[in-house]
Amino acid sequence: MPSPMLSLHQLTCFLATYEHGSLTAAAEELGYAQPSVSEQIRSLEKSLGVQLFRRVGRGVVPTTVADTLRPHAEKVLAAVREAQDAARSAKSLETGTIRFGMFGIARLYAGAGLIADVLARYPGVRVELIGQNSTEVAEELRRGRLEAAMLAVSTIASEGLTITPVAREELVYVSADPANLTGPVTASRLAQSSLVMSETTFRATDSTRQTLRQMLHATGRNPQTRIEVEDIETAVELVGLGYADTIVPRGAARQLLPRLAPKAGWVPLRPRQYDTFAIVHRAGATLSPAAELMIELATRRIQAIAEPIRPRGGATVEA
């Protein structure tokens, strides 16, 4: 036979009656009519196949079965209250985990500061910044493993995604050789340069490399890499050691050169080239308060470093 189904309403009425020793007093505490409480007790007794109270005068006395049931009923109702509190806390961002996607350069610009911003508002949350490369993070968005992310969008297919550009950052040529820093670097000069480039695992879809390929299209050549590495810090450090030059966003150069390549400098490309940073999420998605918070804070951080792109008609792309 199937187990009897007990309702939270029944257990609530049972505990109130147990504590007060009176159906009338239990009804007054709960704000119910006395017949309603009586009916809930009868239904509970019928479900369990036992008697829970004996009438004595104007009150009721719990049976030994009621004594046995009481602590279990208290645990059930306490667990329900904890679940409700947890849901409320998560909704108000007091506890829980906030996950947000950010590609490598964006984390360099805003990662630690962004986490500090979140924890300053909500000290009890757990924060996860996910991703290494924009195409990788975009796939996580499409699969529903992330709600939203900050990505470089030059190589991101918009299918199934909403893309809202929020900032752009100029790409600059970095070198430790003063002879390479006498003026803007043209496509012809770039085609002859010996470069160290990061994001080697994602070289086919890396936004910076894609921009450089387009710049060099007229020359019929691709950027020539002498050294391939994964992270931008290693690339800049190798520039500082004089092994090669590199192309990075200007904000990254400002942050990394003083620490990793203090004798290096940078000049713009000609024509100037840019990476575009955007907030990306699944098209038509209703974002949680946590995702909305991360979008707000990440946008503020990126726009404080890169050139802001203000919302205009047509700035959001959906597919």
Protein backbone atom coordinates (compact mmCIF):
# COMPACT_ATOMS: atom_id res chain seq x y z
CA MET A 1 0.00 0.00 0.00
CA PRO A 2 1.20 3.54 -0.71
CA SER A 3 2.39 5.56 2.27
CA PRO A 4 -0.14 8.07 3.65
CA MET A 5 0.29 11.62 2.38
CA LEU A 6 0.72 14.20 5.11
CA SER A 7 0.29 17.90 4.43
CA LEU A 8 2.18 20.77 5.98
CA HIS A 9 -1.17 22.26 6.92
CA GLN A 10 -2.05 19.15 8.91
CA LEU A 11 1.26 19.17 10.75
CA THR A 12 0.95 22.87 11.52
CA CYS A 13 -2.51 22.34 13.05
CA PHE A 14 -1.26 19.28 14.93
CA LEU A 15 1.64 21.14 16.57
CA ALA A 16 -0.49 24.14 17.51
CA THR A 17 -3.08 21.85 19.10
CA TYR A 18 -0.37 19.84 20.87
CA GLU A 19 1.22 22.99 22.31
CA HIS A 20 -2.01 24.61 23.46
CA GLY A 21 -3.96 21.51 24.47
CA SER A 22 -7.01 23.10 22.86
CA LEU A 23 -8.48 23.13 19.37
CA THR A 24 -9.94 26.55 20.00
CA ALA A 25 -6.64 28.04 21.18
CA ALA A 26 -4.83 26.46 18.21
CA ALA A 27 -7.36 27.98 15.82
CA GLU A 28 -6.91 31.41 17.41
CA GLU A 29 -3.11 31.23 17.08
CA LEU A 30 -3.26 30.14 13.44
CA GLY A 31 -6.07 32.48 12.48
CA TYR A 32 -8.32 29.60 11.36
CA ALA A 33 -11.86 28.66 12.24
CA GLN A 34 -12.00 26.00 14.96
CA PRO A 35 -13.86 23.49 12.72
CA SER A 36 -11.07 23.80 10.15
CA VAL A 37 -8.42 22.83 12.72
CA SER A 38 -10.60 19.93 13.89
CA GLU A 39 -10.95 18.72 10.30
CA GLN A 40 -7.16 18.85 9.74
CA ILE A 41 -6.56 16.79 12.90
CA ARG A 42 -9.17 14.21 11.85
CA SER A 43 -7.61 13.99 8.36
CA LEU A 44 -4.16 13.50 9.87
CA GLU A 45 -5.44 10.78 12.21
CA LYS A 46 -7.16 9.07 9.30
CA SER A 47 -4.01 9.21 7.15
CA LEU A 48 -1.90 7.71 9.94
CA GLY A 49 -4.56 5.31 11.22
CA VAL A 50 -4.04 6.42 14.83
CA GLN A 51 -5.63 8.64 17.47
CA LEU A 52 -3.57 11.71 18.31
CA PHE A 53 -5.74 13.46 20.92
CA ARG A 54 -8.36 12.52 23.52
CA ARG A 55 -10.98 15.05 24.49
CA VAL A 56 -10.90 15.98 28.17
CA GLY A 57 -13.40 18.62 29.24
CA ARG A 58 -12.97 21.64 26.95
CA GLY A 59 -9.47 20.67 25.90
CA VAL A 60 -7.57 17.81 24.37
CA VAL A 61 -4.75 15.61 25.67
CA PRO A 62 -2.10 14.18 23.31
CA THR A 63 -1.75 10.43 23.09
CA THR A 64 1.61 8.63 23.23
CA VAL A 65 1.49 8.49 19.42
CA ALA A 66 1.20 12.28 19.35
CA ASP A 67 4.20 12.49 21.68
CA THR A 68 6.16 10.37 19.18
CA LEU A 69 4.98 12.38 16.20
CA ARG A 70 5.70 15.83 17.67
CA PRO A 71 9.52 16.01 17.19
CA HIS A 72 9.23 14.69 13.63
CA ALA A 73 6.57 17.27 12.79
CA GLU A 74 8.78 20.01 14.22
CA LYS A 75 11.72 18.86 12.09
CA VAL A 76 9.60 18.82 8.93
CA LEU A 77 8.25 22.31 9.46
CA ALA A 78 11.68 23.61 10.44
CA ALA A 79 13.13 22.17 7.22
CA VAL A 80 10.39 23.88 5.22
CA ARG A 81 11.17 27.21 6.87
CA GLU A 82 14.87 26.76 6.12
CA ALA A 83 14.08 26.03 2.47
CA GLN A 84 11.93 29.14 2.27
CA ASP A 85 14.66 31.22 3.91
CA ALA A 86 17.26 29.84 1.50
CA ALA A 87 15.09 30.70 -1.48
CA ARG A 88 14.50 34.21 -0.17
CA SER A 89 18.20 34.67 0.52
CA ALA A 90 19.18 33.52 -2.95
CA LYS A 91 16.60 35.82 -4.48
CA SER A 92 17.91 38.78 -2.53
CA LEU A 93 21.53 37.77 -3.27
CA GLU A 94 22.38 37.32 0.39
CA THR A 95 23.69 33.78 -0.06
CA GLY A 96 24.21 31.29 -2.86
CA THR A 97 26.56 31.21 -5.84
CA ILE A 98 26.86 33.84 -8.57
CA ARG A 99 28.39 32.57 -11.84
CA PHE A 100 29.44 34.89 -14.64
CA GLY A 101 31.43 34.33 -17.81
CA MET A 102 34.48 36.46 -18.65
CA PHE A 103 37.19 35.91 -21.23
CA GLY A 104 40.86 36.34 -20.33
CA ILE A 105 41.44 40.03 -21.08
CA ALA A 106 38.20 41.05 -19.38
CA ARG A 107 39.25 39.19 -16.25
CA LEU A 108 42.61 40.98 -16.38
CA TYR A 109 40.78 44.32 -16.52
CA ALA A 110 38.04 43.66 -14.03
CA GLY A 111 38.26 40.22 -12.41
CA ALA A 112 39.47 40.97 -8.90
CA GLY A 113 37.76 44.35 -8.79
CA LEU A 114 34.49 42.84 -9.98
CA ILE A 115 34.56 40.17 -7.27
CA ALA A 116 35.36 42.86 -4.70
CA ASP A 117 32.36 44.88 -5.92
CA VAL A 118 30.06 41.88 -5.48
CA LEU A 119 31.34 40.94 -2.03
CA ALA A 120 31.12 44.53 -0.84
CA ARG A 121 27.37 44.39 -1.50
CA TYR A 122 26.72 40.76 -0.59
CA PRO A 123 29.41 39.33 1.73
CA GLY A 124 27.66 35.97 1.99
CA VAL A 125 27.71 35.01 -1.69
CA ARG A 126 30.07 32.66 -3.50
CA VAL A 127 31.42 34.03 -6.81
CA GLU A 128 32.60 32.10 -9.87
CA LEU A 129 34.16 33.81 -12.92
CA ILE A 130 34.11 31.26 -15.73
CA GLY A 131 36.07 30.97 -18.97
CA GLN A 132 39.35 31.55 -20.79
CA ASN A 133 38.28 32.55 -24.30
CA SER A 134 35.18 34.25 -25.72
CA THR A 135 34.16 31.41 -28.05
CA GLU A 136 34.45 28.92 -25.19
CA VAL A 137 32.27 31.04 -22.92
CA ALA A 138 29.72 31.65 -25.69
CA GLU A 139 29.26 27.88 -26.00
CA GLU A 140 28.64 27.65 -22.25
CA LEU A 141 25.94 30.31 -22.67
CA ARG A 142 24.26 28.41 -25.50
CA ARG A 143 24.21 25.23 -23.43
CA GLY A 144 22.59 27.05 -20.52
CA ARG A 145 25.53 26.54 -18.16
CA LEU A 146 25.91 30.30 -17.80
CA GLU A 147 23.29 33.04 -17.76
CA ALA A 148 25.42 35.94 -18.93
CA ALA A 149 29.00 36.92 -19.77
CA MET A 150 31.34 39.71 -20.82
CA LEU A 151 32.97 38.73 -24.14
CA ALA A 152 35.01 40.06 -27.03
CA VAL A 153 32.53 39.74 -29.87
CA SER A 154 34.39 40.07 -33.16
CA THR A 155 34.38 36.29 -33.63
CA ILE A 156 31.19 35.35 -31.74
CA ALA A 157 28.36 33.98 -33.85
CA SER A 158 25.18 35.70 -32.70
CA GLU A 159 22.91 32.70 -33.32
CA GLY A 160 20.77 32.15 -30.22
CA LEU A 161 22.41 34.99 -28.33
CA THR A 162 21.68 38.59 -27.45
CA ILE A 163 24.82 40.72 -27.82
CA THR A 164 24.99 44.22 -26.34
CA PRO A 165 28.28 46.08 -26.99
CA VAL A 166 29.34 48.12 -23.95
CA ALA A 167 32.96 49.17 -24.65
CA ARG A 168 35.77 49.03 -27.16
CA GLU A 169 39.52 48.93 -26.63
CA GLU A 170 42.21 49.94 -29.08
CA LEU A 171 44.80 47.33 -30.02
CA VAL A 172 48.41 48.55 -29.76
CA TYR A 173 51.77 47.30 -30.94
CA VAL A 174 54.14 46.57 -28.05
CA SER A 175 57.92 46.36 -28.38
CA ALA A 176 61.07 46.75 -26.31
CA ASP A 177 62.97 47.99 -29.38
CA PRO A 178 62.75 51.80 -29.69
CA ALA A 179 63.21 51.49 -33.46
CA ASN A 180 59.83 49.72 -33.66
CA LEU A 181 58.06 52.52 -31.77
CA THR A 182 58.79 55.51 -34.00
CA GLY A 183 55.25 55.73 -35.36
CA PRO A 184 52.02 53.84 -36.01
CA VAL A 185 52.45 50.31 -37.35
CA THR A 186 50.92 49.79 -40.78
CA ALA A 187 49.71 46.52 -42.26
CA SER A 188 52.91 46.21 -44.28
CA ARG A 189 55.10 46.66 -41.21
CA LEU A 190 52.94 44.30 -39.20
CA ALA A 191 53.24 41.61 -41.86
CA GLN A 192 57.02 41.72 -41.42
CA SER A 193 57.01 41.74 -37.62
CA SER A 194 58.13 38.86 -35.43
CA LEU A 195 55.42 38.42 -32.83
CA VAL A 196 54.64 36.54 -29.65
CA MET A 197 50.89 36.00 -29.32
CA SER A 198 48.77 34.62 -26.51
CA GLU A 199 45.60 32.47 -26.70
CA THR A 200 47.40 29.79 -28.72
CA THR A 201 44.77 27.13 -27.97
CA PHE A 202 42.11 29.44 -29.40
CA ARG A 203 44.22 31.00 -32.16
CA ALA A 204 41.61 30.28 -34.83
CA THR A 205 38.89 32.20 -33.03
CA ASP A 206 40.80 34.69 -30.86
CA SER A 207 39.30 38.14 -31.41
CA THR A 208 42.64 40.00 -31.54
CA ARG A 209 44.08 37.63 -34.13
CA GLN A 210 40.89 37.82 -36.17
CA THR A 211 41.15 41.61 -36.23
CA LEU A 212 44.78 41.41 -37.33
CA ARG A 213 43.94 38.95 -40.11
CA GLN A 214 41.38 41.38 -41.45
CA MET A 215 43.88 44.23 -41.24
CA LEU A 216 46.46 42.21 -43.20
CA HIS A 217 43.98 40.88 -45.75
CA ALA A 218 45.10 43.41 -48.39
CA THR A 219 48.72 42.30 -48.02
CA GLY A 220 47.83 38.66 -48.61
CA ARG A 221 49.61 37.62 -45.42
CA ASN A 222 48.76 36.56 -41.88
CA PRO A 223 50.47 37.82 -38.72
CA GLN A 224 53.76 35.97 -38.33
CA THR A 225 54.16 34.47 -34.86
CA ARG A 226 57.59 33.56 -33.64
CA ILE A 227 56.33 32.40 -30.24
CA GLU A 228 52.94 31.04 -29.18
CA VAL A 229 51.82 31.13 -25.53
CA GLU A 230 48.56 30.79 -23.65
CA ASP A 231 48.41 33.83 -21.37
CA ILE A 232 48.97 37.47 -22.16
CA GLU A 233 51.25 37.96 -19.16
CA THR A 234 53.80 35.55 -20.60
CA ALA A 235 53.61 37.27 -23.99
CA VAL A 236 54.30 40.69 -22.47
CA GLU A 237 57.13 39.32 -20.35
CA LEU A 238 58.80 37.86 -23.44
CA VAL A 239 58.50 41.24 -25.14
CA GLY A 240 60.27 42.76 -22.16
CA LEU A 241 63.07 40.23 -22.59
CA GLY A 242 63.45 41.30 -26.22
CA TYR A 243 62.47 38.04 -27.92
CA ALA A 244 59.52 39.37 -29.97
CA ASP A 245 56.86 42.06 -30.18
CA THR A 246 53.15 41.63 -29.55
CA ILE A 247 49.68 43.11 -30.09
CA VAL A 248 47.46 43.63 -27.04
CA PRO A 249 44.58 45.88 -26.01
CA ARG A 250 45.84 49.22 -24.70
CA GLY A 251 44.39 48.67 -21.22
CA ALA A 252 46.36 45.43 -20.94
CA ALA A 253 49.54 47.24 -21.98
CA ARG A 254 48.97 49.90 -19.35
CA GLN A 255 48.48 47.31 -16.65
CA LEU A 256 51.17 44.79 -17.59
CA LEU A 257 54.12 46.72 -19.00
CA PRO A 258 55.14 48.52 -15.78
CA ARG A 259 55.32 45.18 -14.00
CA LEU A 260 56.48 42.73 -16.69
CA ALA A 261 58.19 44.82 -19.39
CA PRO A 262 59.12 48.20 -17.91
CA LYS A 263 61.47 49.09 -20.79
CA ALA A 264 58.87 48.36 -23.47
CA GLY A 265 56.45 50.81 -25.02
CA TRP A 266 53.58 50.83 -27.47
CA VAL A 267 52.27 52.63 -30.54
CA PRO A 268 48.91 52.43 -32.34
CA LEU A 269 48.20 50.49 -35.50
CA ARG A 270 47.34 52.30 -38.75
CA PRO A 271 44.48 52.25 -39.36
CA ARG A 272 43.51 51.98 -35.71
CA GLN A 273 42.06 48.62 -34.71
CA TYR A 274 39.72 47.78 -31.84
CA ASP A 275 38.36 44.89 -29.80
CA THR A 276 34.70 45.26 -28.89
CA PHE A 277 33.48 44.03 -25.50
CA ALA A 278 29.84 43.10 -25.06
CA ILE A 279 27.38 41.65 -22.58
CA VAL A 280 26.08 38.38 -24.00
CA HIS A 281 23.24 36.11 -22.90
CA ARG A 282 20.79 33.72 -24.51
CA ALA A 283 18.19 35.40 -26.69
CA GLY A 284 14.85 35.82 -24.93
CA ALA A 285 16.21 34.76 -21.54
CA THR A 286 14.77 36.18 -18.34
CA LEU A 287 17.85 37.00 -16.31
CA SER A 288 18.06 36.35 -12.58
CA PRO A 289 18.82 39.18 -10.13
CA ALA A 290 22.32 37.71 -9.77
CA ALA A 291 22.96 37.92 -13.52
CA GLU A 292 21.58 41.46 -13.66
CA LEU A 293 23.91 42.43 -10.82
CA MET A 294 26.96 40.99 -12.56
CA ILE A 295 26.06 42.72 -15.82
CA GLU A 296 25.77 46.05 -14.04
CA LEU A 297 29.04 45.73 -12.15
CA ALA A 298 31.05 44.20 -15.01
CA THR A 299 29.89 46.90 -17.42
CA ARG A 300 30.87 49.61 -14.98
CA ARG A 301 34.33 48.09 -14.49
CA ILE A 302 35.02 47.63 -18.21
CA GLN A 303 33.78 51.11 -19.13
CA ALA A 304 36.08 52.63 -16.50
CA ILE A 305 39.08 51.21 -18.42
CA ALA A 306 37.99 50.90 -22.04
CA GLU A 307 36.10 53.39 -24.22
CA PRO A 308 32.38 53.12 -23.38
CA ILE A 309 29.83 52.32 -26.07
CA ARG A 310 26.58 53.94 -25.04
CA PRO A 311 23.28 52.16 -25.85
CA ARG A 312 21.74 53.29 -29.12
CA GLY A 313 19.10 51.94 -31.45
CA GLY A 314 20.36 48.75 -33.03
CA ALA A 315 23.14 48.26 -30.49
CA THR A 316 21.67 44.97 -29.36
CA VAL A 317 21.88 41.99 -31.71
CA GLU A 318 19.56 39.01 -31.39
CA ALA A 319 19.33 35.88 -33.45
